Amino acid sequence: MELKNLTEDVVIELYDEIISGKAGICSCDKCRHDTIALALSHLKARYAGSGEGEVLVRLQLSDPQVRADVTMALLSASRTVQGRPHRRGI
């Protein structure tokens, strides 16, 4: 198994559940990637390099407080990105 930041998986999962497709929020690839990257930069990275480590990290990431922290980071990042879009023509 290669080294992986499992926080990224949770951020992407929650982005798709909470932000993607919401009215008034652009979900083009550029805005999606910017939002996810900005949220990740404000969250603790949780890496795993083995199957056992992945199980332990995924257990930590299933904690409701961790998921709430990820949700707050995503909402904050989305407001920032939507306030400063970098798409062409805007």
Protein backbone atom coordinates (compact mmCIF):
# COMPACT_ATOMS: atom_id res chain seq x y z
CA MET A 1 0.00 0.00 0.00
CA GLU A 2 1.30 3.45 -0.82
CA LEU A 3 1.21 6.34 1.62
CA LYS A 4 -2.15 8.14 1.47
CA ASN A 5 -3.75 11.12 3.22
CA LEU A 6 -7.13 9.65 4.13
CA THR A 7 -8.47 13.05 5.18
CA GLU A 8 -8.63 13.79 1.45
CA ASP A 9 -11.11 10.94 0.93
CA VAL A 10 -13.42 12.33 3.64
CA VAL A 11 -13.19 15.87 2.26
CA ILE A 12 -14.11 14.68 -1.23
CA GLU A 13 -16.95 12.51 0.12
CA LEU A 14 -18.43 15.36 2.15
CA TYR A 15 -17.94 17.85 -0.69
CA ASP A 16 -20.04 15.59 -2.91
CA GLU A 17 -22.70 15.21 -0.19
CA ILE A 18 -22.90 18.80 1.04
CA ILE A 19 -21.66 21.26 -1.56
CA SER A 20 -21.89 19.69 -4.99
CA GLY A 21 -25.05 20.71 -6.84
CA LYS A 22 -26.21 23.31 -4.33
CA ALA A 23 -27.93 26.32 -5.85
CA GLY A 24 -25.67 29.33 -6.14
CA ILE A 25 -22.46 27.34 -5.73
CA CYS A 26 -20.32 26.72 -8.79
CA SER A 27 -19.11 23.13 -8.92
CA CYS A 28 -16.98 23.34 -12.05
CA ASP A 29 -13.72 21.37 -11.82
CA LYS A 30 -11.69 24.49 -11.03
CA CYS A 31 -13.94 25.64 -8.16
CA ARG A 32 -14.31 22.05 -6.87
CA HIS A 33 -10.54 21.51 -6.79
CA ASP A 34 -9.90 24.93 -5.23
CA THR A 35 -12.49 24.31 -2.51
CA ILE A 36 -11.16 20.85 -1.69
CA ALA A 37 -7.53 22.05 -1.66
CA LEU A 38 -8.33 25.02 0.57
CA ALA A 39 -10.31 22.86 3.00
CA LEU A 40 -7.49 20.31 3.16
CA SER A 41 -4.98 23.04 3.95
CA HIS A 42 -6.94 23.82 7.13
CA LEU A 43 -7.33 20.22 8.31
CA LYS A 44 -4.99 17.79 10.01
CA ALA A 45 -3.54 15.31 7.52
CA ARG A 46 -4.04 11.68 8.52
CA TYR A 47 -1.76 9.34 6.60
CA ALA A 48 -1.75 5.57 6.41
CA GLY A 49 0.85 3.32 4.84
CA SER A 50 -0.52 -0.11 5.70
CA GLY A 51 -3.84 -1.90 5.80
CA GLU A 52 -3.89 -1.86 9.60
CA GLY A 53 -3.01 1.83 9.66
CA GLU A 54 -5.78 2.59 7.17
CA VAL A 55 -8.35 0.87 9.38
CA LEU A 56 -7.24 2.88 12.41
CA VAL A 57 -7.21 6.19 10.53
CA ARG A 58 -10.62 5.54 8.95
CA LEU A 59 -11.97 4.82 12.43
CA GLN A 60 -10.63 8.20 13.61
CA LEU A 61 -12.13 9.92 10.56
CA SER A 62 -15.57 8.46 11.27
CA ASP A 63 -15.76 10.41 14.54
CA PRO A 64 -18.66 12.92 14.37
CA GLN A 65 -16.45 15.78 15.59
CA VAL A 66 -13.89 15.13 12.84
CA ARG A 67 -16.67 15.07 10.23
CA ALA A 68 -18.08 18.31 11.66
CA ASP A 69 -14.62 19.90 11.42
CA VAL A 70 -14.34 18.77 7.79
CA THR A 71 -17.80 20.15 7.03
CA MET A 72 -16.90 23.53 8.56
CA ALA A 73 -13.63 23.65 6.61
CA LEU A 74 -15.49 22.87 3.39
CA LEU A 75 -18.15 25.52 3.97
CA SER A 76 -15.52 28.13 4.78
CA ALA A 77 -13.44 27.15 1.75
CA SER A 78 -16.50 27.24 -0.49
CA ARG A 79 -17.37 30.78 0.65
CA THR A 80 -13.80 31.88 -0.06
CA VAL A 81 -13.67 30.28 -3.51
CA GLN A 82 -17.11 31.54 -4.51
CA GLY A 83 -16.09 35.02 -3.41
CA ARG A 84 -12.98 34.94 -5.60
CA PRO A 85 -13.69 32.83 -8.66
CA HIS A 86 -10.80 32.31 -11.08
CA ARG A 87 -12.78 31.00 -14.01
CA ARG A 88 -12.47 32.67 -17.37
CA GLY A 89 -15.09 35.24 -18.23
CA ILE A 90 -15.78 36.20 -14.61
